[in-house]
Amino acid sequence: MSTIDPILWNDWHPVAETCTLLSGPPVETVLLGVPLVIAADADGAFHARRTDDVPLHQDERYGLVWVCLGTPERPVLAIPEADEPDRPAVTVGSIRVQTAGPRVIENFLDLGHLGYVHARYLGDDPHTQVLPYKVDALPEGGIIATGCKMFQPQASPAATEGFMVDYVYKVERPLATCLYKANPVHRDRFDVIFLFAQPVSEEESIAHPLLLCLPDGTTAADLRTFQQLIFMQDKPILENQVPKRLPLADGAELPIAADKSSVAYRRWLSKIGMTYGVIPAQARAA
């Protein structure tokens, strides 16, 4: 029996893009320290296996192959927007990051860095101030941040001018987060951007972004290129954070008002007993 957190071991994690498997050789990867091989057969069916041939569970949703190493306690995360006919799912690649999965998720929640790390795209001077927003617990577990607003010079490839963008963030699984973001053309509806962090080890992860955007004249290739640009701006920041694992103790890293969602995320991880890829509060206290 694994000693890794059951909430991770018995959950579903994306490990490969289906488009990559259909157009290329098998993908070799690692999940929670376990080596895997994922391949597509001649009929286009996907097969994931452990290299030690221990059985595992697999599924295919949203253009991604999902794997559970243990006994699934719930289905793959439901994404209702994926059922909307005018909202195709666009995967953005599998990006290896030399830091823990929780660090990747927390960075996604960070409004404060948008005007600096993503200047001229998701923020810029003099619009770097993070306005007050609200964070609540989700009934089924996780957190939701509402009332988030940021001025963005180019919120997406389709944007022709800057505007104040409404955001809603959600975290429903420890290593899965999503953003509902105002579309520059359809201002009354939201684009949806997911980020899944595949835990390779406690201090290494693979990011799998997933876009569910409204039709606004932007091609899937342009969406993919734009999102890769944004993530590659984040990558060196993530890889230079010390420690690589996310500290959960209050005050372990000095928060500011804009970090409300980060603080809530860390406290939720503590509440559910997360130990993998983090520094538990009691460990720091000891």
C-alpha atoms as a PDB file:
ATOM      1  CA  MET A   1       0.000   0.000   0.000  1.00  0.00           C
ATOM      2  CA  SER A   2       1.302   3.476  -0.889  1.00  0.00           C
ATOM      3  CA  THR A   3       2.262   5.907   1.865  1.00  0.00           C
ATOM      4  CA  ILE A   4       1.533   8.871  -0.420  1.00  0.00           C
ATOM      5  CA  ASP A   5      -1.447  11.045   0.518  1.00  0.00           C
ATOM      6  CA  PRO A   6      -4.612   9.068  -0.349  1.00  0.00           C
ATOM      7  CA  ILE A   7      -6.223  12.251  -1.660  1.00  0.00           C
ATOM      8  CA  LEU A   8      -3.584  12.225  -4.416  1.00  0.00           C
ATOM      9  CA  TRP A   9      -2.975   8.481  -4.805  1.00  0.00           C
ATOM     10  CA  ASN A  10      -6.695   7.755  -5.224  1.00  0.00           C
ATOM     11  CA  ASP A  11      -7.424  10.738  -7.468  1.00  0.00           C
ATOM     12  CA  TRP A  12      -7.202  11.226 -11.227  1.00  0.00           C
ATOM     13  CA  HIS A  13      -4.272  13.060 -12.819  1.00  0.00           C
ATOM     14  CA  PRO A  14      -3.726  14.039 -16.476  1.00  0.00           C
ATOM     15  CA  VAL A  15      -0.521  12.516 -17.844  1.00  0.00           C
ATOM     16  CA  ALA A  16      -0.578  13.142 -21.620  1.00  0.00           C
ATOM     17  CA  GLU A  17      -2.364  14.955 -24.437  1.00  0.00           C
ATOM     18  CA  THR A  18      -4.348  12.733 -26.766  1.00  0.00           C
ATOM     19  CA  CYS A  19      -3.208  14.750 -29.803  1.00  0.00           C
ATOM     20  CA  THR A  20       0.436  14.067 -28.920  1.00  0.00           C
ATOM     21  CA  LEU A  21      -0.230  10.341 -28.609  1.00  0.00           C
ATOM     22  CA  LEU A  22      -2.143  10.147 -31.883  1.00  0.00           C
ATOM     23  CA  SER A  23       0.595  11.887 -33.840  1.00  0.00           C
ATOM     24  CA  GLY A  24       3.719  10.502 -32.204  1.00  0.00           C
ATOM     25  CA  PRO A  25       5.399   7.737 -30.220  1.00  0.00           C
ATOM     26  CA  PRO A  26       4.357   6.564 -26.731  1.00  0.00           C
ATOM     27  CA  VAL A  27       4.846   9.069 -23.924  1.00  0.00           C
ATOM     28  CA  GLU A  28       7.037   8.086 -20.984  1.00  0.00           C
ATOM     29  CA  THR A  29       6.281  10.019 -17.836  1.00  0.00           C
ATOM     30  CA  VAL A  30       6.240   9.761 -14.035  1.00  0.00           C
ATOM     31  CA  LEU A  31       3.310  10.250 -11.652  1.00  0.00           C
ATOM     32  CA  LEU A  32       3.890  10.395  -7.891  1.00  0.00           C
ATOM     33  CA  GLY A  33       7.246   8.683  -8.409  1.00  0.00           C
ATOM     34  CA  VAL A  34       5.747   5.866 -10.513  1.00  0.00           C
ATOM     35  CA  PRO A  35       7.069   5.495 -14.112  1.00  0.00           C
ATOM     36  CA  LEU A  36       4.327   5.221 -16.745  1.00  0.00           C
ATOM     37  CA  VAL A  37       4.037   4.634 -20.482  1.00  0.00           C
ATOM     38  CA  ILE A  38       1.028   5.967 -22.403  1.00  0.00           C
ATOM     39  CA  ALA A  39       0.370   5.064 -26.032  1.00  0.00           C
ATOM     40  CA  ALA A  40      -2.305   5.073 -28.722  1.00  0.00           C
ATOM     41  CA  ASP A  41      -2.999   1.907 -30.703  1.00  0.00           C
ATOM     42  CA  ALA A  42      -3.831   1.614 -34.414  1.00  0.00           C
ATOM     43  CA  ASP A  43      -7.530   2.142 -33.673  1.00  0.00           C
ATOM     44  CA  GLY A  44      -6.882   5.370 -31.766  1.00  0.00           C
ATOM     45  CA  ALA A  45      -7.553   3.868 -28.335  1.00  0.00           C
ATOM     46  CA  PHE A  46      -5.302   5.000 -25.495  1.00  0.00           C
ATOM     47  CA  HIS A  47      -3.465   2.688 -23.130  1.00  0.00           C
ATOM     48  CA  ALA A  48      -1.616   3.690 -19.962  1.00  0.00           C
ATOM     49  CA  ARG A  49       0.469   1.254 -17.954  1.00  0.00           C
ATOM     50  CA  ARG A  50       2.994   1.229 -15.165  1.00  0.00           C
ATOM     51  CA  THR A  51       6.434   0.028 -16.226  1.00  0.00           C
ATOM     52  CA  ASP A  52       6.237  -2.575 -13.434  1.00  0.00           C
ATOM     53  CA  ASP A  53       2.896  -3.770 -14.911  1.00  0.00           C
ATOM     54  CA  VAL A  54       0.930  -3.113 -11.712  1.00  0.00           C
ATOM     55  CA  PRO A  55      -2.656  -2.387 -12.858  1.00  0.00           C
ATOM     56  CA  LEU A  56      -3.931   1.163 -12.876  1.00  0.00           C
ATOM     57  CA  HIS A  57      -7.108   3.009 -13.831  1.00  0.00           C
ATOM     58  CA  GLN A  58      -7.312   5.232 -16.892  1.00  0.00           C
ATOM     59  CA  ASP A  59      -9.792   7.543 -18.597  1.00  0.00           C
ATOM     60  CA  GLU A  60      -9.816  10.017 -21.481  1.00  0.00           C
ATOM     61  CA  ARG A  61     -11.491  13.405 -21.132  1.00  0.00           C
ATOM     62  CA  TYR A  62     -11.039  16.907 -22.544  1.00  0.00           C
ATOM     63  CA  GLY A  63      -8.188  15.902 -24.858  1.00  0.00           C
ATOM     64  CA  LEU A  64      -6.161  14.435 -21.992  1.00  0.00           C
ATOM     65  CA  VAL A  65      -5.415  10.912 -20.769  1.00  0.00           C
ATOM     66  CA  TRP A  66      -6.066  10.580 -17.036  1.00  0.00           C
ATOM     67  CA  VAL A  67      -4.608   8.001 -14.654  1.00  0.00           C
ATOM     68  CA  CYS A  68      -5.379   6.932 -11.090  1.00  0.00           C
ATOM     69  CA  LEU A  69      -2.683   4.862  -9.378  1.00  0.00           C
ATOM     70  CA  GLY A  70      -4.872   3.762  -6.489  1.00  0.00           C
ATOM     71  CA  THR A  71      -8.608   3.178  -6.094  1.00  0.00           C
ATOM     72  CA  PRO A  72     -10.625   6.076  -7.549  1.00  0.00           C
ATOM     73  CA  GLU A  73     -12.697   7.746  -4.861  1.00  0.00           C
ATOM     74  CA  ARG A  74     -14.489  10.017  -7.354  1.00  0.00           C
ATOM     75  CA  PRO A  75     -14.657  10.530 -11.136  1.00  0.00           C
ATOM     76  CA  VAL A  76     -12.383  12.698 -13.230  1.00  0.00           C
ATOM     77  CA  LEU A  77     -13.110  16.345 -12.433  1.00  0.00           C
ATOM     78  CA  ALA A  78     -16.352  17.381 -14.136  1.00  0.00           C
ATOM     79  CA  ILE A  79     -16.123  20.387 -16.471  1.00  0.00           C
ATOM     80  CA  PRO A  80     -19.659  21.417 -17.517  1.00  0.00           C
ATOM     81  CA  GLU A  81     -18.323  23.986 -20.000  1.00  0.00           C
ATOM     82  CA  ALA A  82     -16.768  21.150 -22.021  1.00  0.00           C
ATOM     83  CA  ASP A  83     -20.312  20.115 -22.995  1.00  0.00           C
ATOM     84  CA  GLU A  84     -21.108  23.504 -24.567  1.00  0.00           C
ATOM     85  CA  PRO A  85     -21.004  23.031 -28.364  1.00  0.00           C
ATOM     86  CA  ASP A  86     -19.433  26.429 -29.094  1.00  0.00           C
ATOM     87  CA  ARG A  87     -16.577  25.921 -26.636  1.00  0.00           C
ATOM     88  CA  PRO A  88     -13.924  23.451 -27.925  1.00  0.00           C
ATOM     89  CA  ALA A  89     -11.322  22.057 -25.542  1.00  0.00           C
ATOM     90  CA  VAL A  90      -7.782  23.123 -26.456  1.00  0.00           C
ATOM     91  CA  THR A  91      -4.811  21.554 -24.694  1.00  0.00           C
ATOM     92  CA  VAL A  92      -1.613  23.577 -24.407  1.00  0.00           C
ATOM     93  CA  GLY A  93       1.100  20.949 -24.060  1.00  0.00           C
ATOM     94  CA  SER A  94       2.805  19.287 -21.113  1.00  0.00           C
ATOM     95  CA  ILE A  95       5.308  21.654 -19.503  1.00  0.00           C
ATOM     96  CA  ARG A  96       7.854  20.276 -17.026  1.00  0.00           C
ATOM     97  CA  VAL A  97       8.542  22.550 -14.056  1.00  0.00           C
ATOM     98  CA  GLN A  98      11.219  22.031 -11.423  1.00  0.00           C
ATOM     99  CA  THR A  99       8.991  22.787  -8.467  1.00  0.00           C
ATOM    100  CA  ALA A 100       6.200  21.143  -6.475  1.00  0.00           C
ATOM    101  CA  GLY A 101       2.691  20.862  -7.871  1.00  0.00           C
ATOM    102  CA  PRO A 102       1.143  23.036  -5.136  1.00  0.00           C
ATOM    103  CA  ARG A 103       3.575  25.834  -6.065  1.00  0.00           C
ATOM    104  CA  VAL A 104       2.273  25.691  -9.644  1.00  0.00           C
ATOM    105  CA  ILE A 105      -1.345  25.911  -8.500  1.00  0.00           C
ATOM    106  CA  GLU A 106      -0.665  28.738  -6.062  1.00  0.00           C
ATOM    107  CA  ASN A 107       1.122  30.776  -8.729  1.00  0.00           C
ATOM    108  CA  PHE A 108      -1.941  30.463 -10.972  1.00  0.00           C
ATOM    109  CA  LEU A 109      -4.040  32.012  -8.187  1.00  0.00           C
ATOM    110  CA  ASP A 110      -1.686  34.974  -7.710  1.00  0.00           C
ATOM    111  CA  LEU A 111      -3.282  38.173  -9.006  1.00  0.00           C
ATOM    112  CA  GLY A 112      -0.413  40.280  -7.714  1.00  0.00           C
ATOM    113  CA  HIS A 113       2.158  39.055 -10.235  1.00  0.00           C
ATOM    114  CA  LEU A 114       0.108  39.712 -13.371  1.00  0.00           C
ATOM    115  CA  GLY A 115       1.216  43.312 -13.865  1.00  0.00           C
ATOM    116  CA  TYR A 116       4.888  42.461 -13.426  1.00  0.00           C
ATOM    117  CA  VAL A 117       5.575  38.980 -14.810  1.00  0.00           C
ATOM    118  CA  HIS A 118       2.997  39.324 -17.606  1.00  0.00           C
ATOM    119  CA  ALA A 119       3.429  43.032 -18.376  1.00  0.00           C
ATOM    120  CA  ARG A 120       1.815  44.206 -21.643  1.00  0.00           C
ATOM    121  CA  TYR A 121      -0.419  41.135 -21.634  1.00  0.00           C
ATOM    122  CA  LEU A 122      -2.217  40.406 -18.349  1.00  0.00           C
ATOM    123  CA  GLY A 123      -1.276  43.617 -16.573  1.00  0.00           C
ATOM    124  CA  ASP A 124       0.942  46.688 -16.748  1.00  0.00           C
ATOM    125  CA  ASP A 125       1.891  49.925 -15.045  1.00  0.00           C
ATOM    126  CA  PRO A 126       0.106  51.835 -13.687  1.00  0.00           C
ATOM    127  CA  HIS A 127      -2.571  49.142 -13.255  1.00  0.00           C
ATOM    128  CA  THR A 128      -0.740  46.830 -10.854  1.00  0.00           C
ATOM    129  CA  GLN A 129      -2.982  47.326  -7.826  1.00  0.00           C
ATOM    130  CA  VAL A 130      -5.040  44.296  -6.825  1.00  0.00           C
ATOM    131  CA  LEU A 131      -8.509  45.415  -5.807  1.00  0.00           C
ATOM    132  CA  PRO A 132     -10.222  43.740  -2.820  1.00  0.00           C
ATOM    133  CA  TYR A 133     -11.847  40.407  -3.623  1.00  0.00           C
ATOM    134  CA  LYS A 134     -13.624  37.636  -1.743  1.00  0.00           C
ATOM    135  CA  VAL A 135     -12.578  34.043  -1.018  1.00  0.00           C
ATOM    136  CA  ASP A 136     -14.995  31.373   0.215  1.00  0.00           C
ATOM    137  CA  ALA A 137     -14.945  27.637   0.842  1.00  0.00           C
ATOM    138  CA  LEU A 138     -16.691  25.429  -1.707  1.00  0.00           C
ATOM    139  CA  PRO A 139     -19.380  23.095  -0.280  1.00  0.00           C
ATOM    140  CA  GLU A 140     -17.679  19.968  -1.681  1.00  0.00           C
ATOM    141  CA  GLY A 141     -14.193  21.097  -0.685  1.00  0.00           C
ATOM    142  CA  GLY A 142     -11.806  23.628  -2.151  1.00  0.00           C
ATOM    143  CA  ILE A 143     -11.974  27.396  -2.502  1.00  0.00           C
ATOM    144  CA  ILE A 144     -13.502  30.019  -4.788  1.00  0.00           C
ATOM    145  CA  ALA A 145     -12.316  33.612  -5.267  1.00  0.00           C
ATOM    146  CA  THR A 146     -14.883  36.086  -6.621  1.00  0.00           C
ATOM    147  CA  GLY A 147     -14.960  39.790  -7.377  1.00  0.00           C
ATOM    148  CA  CYS A 148     -11.450  39.703  -8.865  1.00  0.00           C
ATOM    149  CA  LYS A 149     -10.695  42.473 -11.366  1.00  0.00           C
ATOM    150  CA  MET A 150      -7.522  43.395 -13.242  1.00  0.00           C
ATOM    151  CA  PHE A 151      -6.874  45.796 -16.101  1.00  0.00           C
ATOM    152  CA  GLN A 152      -5.239  43.843 -18.916  1.00  0.00           C
ATOM    153  CA  PRO A 153      -3.678  45.368 -22.063  1.00  0.00           C
ATOM    154  CA  GLN A 154      -4.119  42.097 -24.000  1.00  0.00           C
ATOM    155  CA  ALA A 155      -6.317  39.645 -22.131  1.00  0.00           C
ATOM    156  CA  SER A 156      -6.304  37.159 -25.022  1.00  0.00           C
ATOM    157  CA  PRO A 157      -5.174  36.905 -28.667  1.00  0.00           C
ATOM    158  CA  ALA A 158      -8.559  38.351 -29.723  1.00  0.00           C
ATOM    159  CA  ALA A 159      -8.271  41.476 -27.570  1.00  0.00           C
ATOM    160  CA  THR A 160      -7.851  44.698 -29.569  1.00  0.00           C
ATOM    161  CA  GLU A 161      -7.677  47.000 -26.562  1.00  0.00           C
ATOM    162  CA  GLY A 162      -7.148  46.832 -22.839  1.00  0.00           C
ATOM    163  CA  PHE A 163     -10.091  46.491 -20.473  1.00  0.00           C
ATOM    164  CA  MET A 164     -10.932  45.710 -16.852  1.00  0.00           C
ATOM    165  CA  VAL A 165     -11.225  41.923 -16.791  1.00  0.00           C
ATOM    166  CA  ASP A 166     -13.503  40.090 -14.354  1.00  0.00           C
ATOM    167  CA  TYR A 167     -12.005  36.915 -12.880  1.00  0.00           C
ATOM    168  CA  VAL A 168     -13.326  34.022 -10.801  1.00  0.00           C
ATOM    169  CA  TYR A 169     -10.863  31.410  -9.516  1.00  0.00           C
ATOM    170  CA  LYS A 170     -11.732  27.927  -8.260  1.00  0.00           C
ATOM    171  CA  VAL A 171      -9.717  25.106  -6.724  1.00  0.00           C
ATOM    172  CA  GLU A 172     -11.726  21.874  -6.486  1.00  0.00           C
ATOM    173  CA  ARG A 173      -8.890  19.333  -6.255  1.00  0.00           C
ATOM    174  CA  PRO A 174      -5.485  19.820  -4.583  1.00  0.00           C
ATOM    175  CA  LEU A 175      -3.637  19.989  -7.922  1.00  0.00           C
ATOM    176  CA  ALA A 176      -6.360  21.345 -10.209  1.00  0.00           C
ATOM    177  CA  THR A 177      -7.472  24.948 -10.536  1.00  0.00           C
ATOM    178  CA  CYS A 178      -9.504  26.959 -13.002  1.00  0.00           C
ATOM    179  CA  LEU A 179     -10.110  30.549 -13.972  1.00  0.00           C
ATOM    180  CA  TYR A 180     -13.311  32.050 -15.353  1.00  0.00           C
ATOM    181  CA  LYS A 181     -12.215  35.107 -17.306  1.00  0.00           C
ATOM    182  CA  ALA A 182     -14.255  37.701 -19.207  1.00  0.00           C
ATOM    183  CA  ASN A 183     -14.002  37.197 -22.967  1.00  0.00           C
ATOM    184  CA  PRO A 184     -12.946  40.360 -24.881  1.00  0.00           C
ATOM    185  CA  VAL A 185     -15.660  39.803 -27.528  1.00  0.00           C
ATOM    186  CA  HIS A 186     -18.452  38.115 -25.535  1.00  0.00           C
ATOM    187  CA  ARG A 187     -18.326  40.348 -22.458  1.00  0.00           C
ATOM    188  CA  ASP A 188     -21.378  38.633 -20.913  1.00  0.00           C
ATOM    189  CA  ARG A 189     -19.727  35.175 -20.911  1.00  0.00           C
ATOM    190  CA  PHE A 190     -16.503  33.760 -19.567  1.00  0.00           C
ATOM    191  CA  ASP A 191     -13.614  31.879 -21.089  1.00  0.00           C
ATOM    192  CA  VAL A 192     -12.508  29.010 -18.845  1.00  0.00           C
ATOM    193  CA  ILE A 193      -8.853  28.153 -18.291  1.00  0.00           C
ATOM    194  CA  PHE A 194      -7.812  25.089 -16.292  1.00  0.00           C
ATOM    195  CA  LEU A 195      -4.388  24.233 -14.977  1.00  0.00           C
ATOM    196  CA  PHE A 196      -3.581  20.722 -13.767  1.00  0.00           C
ATOM    197  CA  ALA A 197      -0.272  19.997 -12.033  1.00  0.00           C
ATOM    198  CA  GLN A 198       0.907  16.407 -12.531  1.00  0.00           C
ATOM    199  CA  PRO A 199       3.098  15.573  -9.498  1.00  0.00           C
ATOM    200  CA  VAL A 200       6.210  13.858 -10.865  1.00  0.00           C
ATOM    201  CA  SER A 201       7.839  13.964  -7.439  1.00  0.00           C
ATOM    202  CA  GLU A 202       7.577  16.151  -4.368  1.00  0.00           C
ATOM    203  CA  GLU A 203       9.697  18.836  -6.054  1.00  0.00           C
ATOM    204  CA  GLU A 204       8.950  18.380  -9.754  1.00  0.00           C
ATOM    205  CA  SER A 205       5.739  18.624 -11.738  1.00  0.00           C
ATOM    206  CA  ILE A 206       4.301  18.791 -15.237  1.00  0.00           C
ATOM    207  CA  ALA A 207       1.743  21.487 -16.000  1.00  0.00           C
ATOM    208  CA  HIS A 208      -1.184  20.631 -18.258  1.00  0.00           C
ATOM    209  CA  PRO A 209      -3.143  23.791 -19.204  1.00  0.00           C
ATOM    210  CA  LEU A 210      -6.577  23.347 -20.771  1.00  0.00           C
ATOM    211  CA  LEU A 211      -8.537  26.101 -22.518  1.00  0.00           C
ATOM    212  CA  LEU A 212     -12.305  26.210 -23.017  1.00  0.00           C
ATOM    213  CA  CYS A 213     -12.719  29.508 -24.817  1.00  0.00           C
ATOM    214  CA  LEU A 214     -15.624  31.107 -26.640  1.00  0.00           C
ATOM    215  CA  PRO A 215     -15.497  31.623 -30.421  1.00  0.00           C
ATOM    216  CA  ASP A 216     -13.983  35.046 -31.060  1.00  0.00           C
ATOM    217  CA  GLY A 217     -12.017  34.538 -34.261  1.00  0.00           C
ATOM    218  CA  THR A 218      -8.969  33.100 -32.503  1.00  0.00           C
ATOM    219  CA  THR A 219      -7.636  29.789 -33.821  1.00  0.00           C
ATOM    220  CA  ALA A 220      -6.739  26.891 -31.547  1.00  0.00           C
ATOM    221  CA  ALA A 221      -3.103  27.331 -32.588  1.00  0.00           C
ATOM    222  CA  ASP A 222      -3.154  31.010 -31.571  1.00  0.00           C
ATOM    223  CA  LEU A 223      -4.763  30.170 -28.223  1.00  0.00           C
ATOM    224  CA  ARG A 224      -2.142  27.515 -27.592  1.00  0.00           C
ATOM    225  CA  THR A 225       0.739  29.837 -28.524  1.00  0.00           C
ATOM    226  CA  PHE A 226      -0.574  32.662 -26.325  1.00  0.00           C
ATOM    227  CA  GLN A 227      -1.049  30.430 -23.292  1.00  0.00           C
ATOM    228  CA  GLN A 228       2.385  28.854 -23.753  1.00  0.00           C
ATOM    229  CA  LEU A 229       3.888  32.355 -23.823  1.00  0.00           C
ATOM    230  CA  ILE A 230       2.150  33.233 -20.561  1.00  0.00           C
ATOM    231  CA  PHE A 231       3.226  30.020 -18.837  1.00  0.00           C
ATOM    232  CA  MET A 232       6.824  30.313 -20.019  1.00  0.00           C
ATOM    233  CA  GLN A 233       6.928  33.743 -18.358  1.00  0.00           C
ATOM    234  CA  ASP A 234       5.883  32.029 -15.121  1.00  0.00           C
ATOM    235  CA  LYS A 235       8.288  29.089 -15.397  1.00  0.00           C
ATOM    236  CA  PRO A 236      11.544  30.800 -14.256  1.00  0.00           C
ATOM    237  CA  ILE A 237       9.696  32.459 -11.379  1.00  0.00           C
ATOM    238  CA  LEU A 238       8.358  29.105 -10.231  1.00  0.00           C
ATOM    239  CA  GLU A 239      11.706  27.343 -10.568  1.00  0.00           C
ATOM    240  CA  ASN A 240      13.513  29.975  -8.515  1.00  0.00           C
ATOM    241  CA  GLN A 241      11.170  29.799  -5.532  1.00  0.00           C
ATOM    242  CA  VAL A 242      12.792  28.414  -2.382  1.00  0.00           C
ATOM    243  CA  PRO A 243      11.825  26.005  -0.948  1.00  0.00           C
ATOM    244  CA  LYS A 244      10.398  24.062  -3.880  1.00  0.00           C
ATOM    245  CA  ARG A 245       7.710  22.532  -1.683  1.00  0.00           C
ATOM    246  CA  LEU A 246       4.906  24.844  -0.576  1.00  0.00           C
ATOM    247  CA  PRO A 247       5.079  25.846   3.129  1.00  0.00           C
ATOM    248  CA  LEU A 248       1.671  25.566   4.810  1.00  0.00           C
ATOM    249  CA  ALA A 249       2.368  27.198   8.171  1.00  0.00           C
ATOM    250  CA  ASP A 250       0.788  30.617   8.648  1.00  0.00           C
ATOM    251  CA  GLY A 251       3.534  33.194   8.314  1.00  0.00           C
ATOM    252  CA  ALA A 252       5.981  30.819   6.628  1.00  0.00           C
ATOM    253  CA  GLU A 253       6.064  33.293   3.741  1.00  0.00           C
ATOM    254  CA  LEU A 254       4.945  36.876   4.320  1.00  0.00           C
ATOM    255  CA  PRO A 255       1.546  37.374   2.654  1.00  0.00           C
ATOM    256  CA  ILE A 256       0.029  40.660   1.507  1.00  0.00           C
ATOM    257  CA  ALA A 257      -3.633  41.578   0.994  1.00  0.00           C
ATOM    258  CA  ALA A 258      -3.523  40.399  -2.631  1.00  0.00           C
ATOM    259  CA  ASP A 259      -2.535  36.906  -1.435  1.00  0.00           C
ATOM    260  CA  LYS A 260      -5.939  36.115   0.074  1.00  0.00           C
ATOM    261  CA  SER A 261      -6.546  33.203  -2.314  1.00  0.00           C
ATOM    262  CA  SER A 262      -3.058  31.809  -1.693  1.00  0.00           C
ATOM    263  CA  VAL A 263      -3.580  31.868   2.065  1.00  0.00           C
ATOM    264  CA  ALA A 264      -6.956  30.132   1.674  1.00  0.00           C
ATOM    265  CA  TYR A 265      -5.429  27.482  -0.613  1.00  0.00           C
ATOM    266  CA  ARG A 266      -2.636  26.717   1.859  1.00  0.00           C
ATOM    267  CA  ARG A 267      -5.076  26.479   4.755  1.00  0.00           C
ATOM    268  CA  TRP A 268      -7.309  24.139   2.765  1.00  0.00           C
ATOM    269  CA  LEU A 269      -4.343  21.864   1.970  1.00  0.00           C
ATOM    270  CA  SER A 270      -3.555  21.781   5.692  1.00  0.00           C
ATOM    271  CA  LYS A 271      -7.176  21.004   6.526  1.00  0.00           C
ATOM    272  CA  ILE A 272      -7.294  17.981   4.199  1.00  0.00           C
ATOM    273  CA  GLY A 273      -3.992  16.658   5.544  1.00  0.00           C
ATOM    274  CA  MET A 274      -1.863  17.215   2.451  1.00  0.00           C
ATOM    275  CA  THR A 275       1.801  16.297   2.955  1.00  0.00           C
ATOM    276  CA  TYR A 276       3.076  15.562  -0.579  1.00  0.00           C
ATOM    277  CA  GLY A 277       4.806  18.507  -2.246  1.00  0.00           C
ATOM    278  CA  VAL A 278       4.291  20.728   0.786  1.00  0.00           C
ATOM    279  CA  ILE A 279       5.957  21.514   4.099  1.00  0.00           C
ATOM    280  CA  PRO A 280       3.215  20.779   6.647  1.00  0.00           C
ATOM    281  CA  ALA A 281       2.630  23.380   9.329  1.00  0.00           C
ATOM    282  CA  GLN A 282       3.584  21.003  12.140  1.00  0.00           C
ATOM    283  CA  ALA A 283       6.853  20.093  10.404  1.00  0.00           C
ATOM    284  CA  ARG A 284       7.919  23.735  10.367  1.00  0.00           C
ATOM    285  CA  ALA A 285       6.841  24.208  13.965  1.00  0.00           C
ATOM    286  CA  ALA A 286       8.918  21.195  15.016  1.00  0.00           C
END
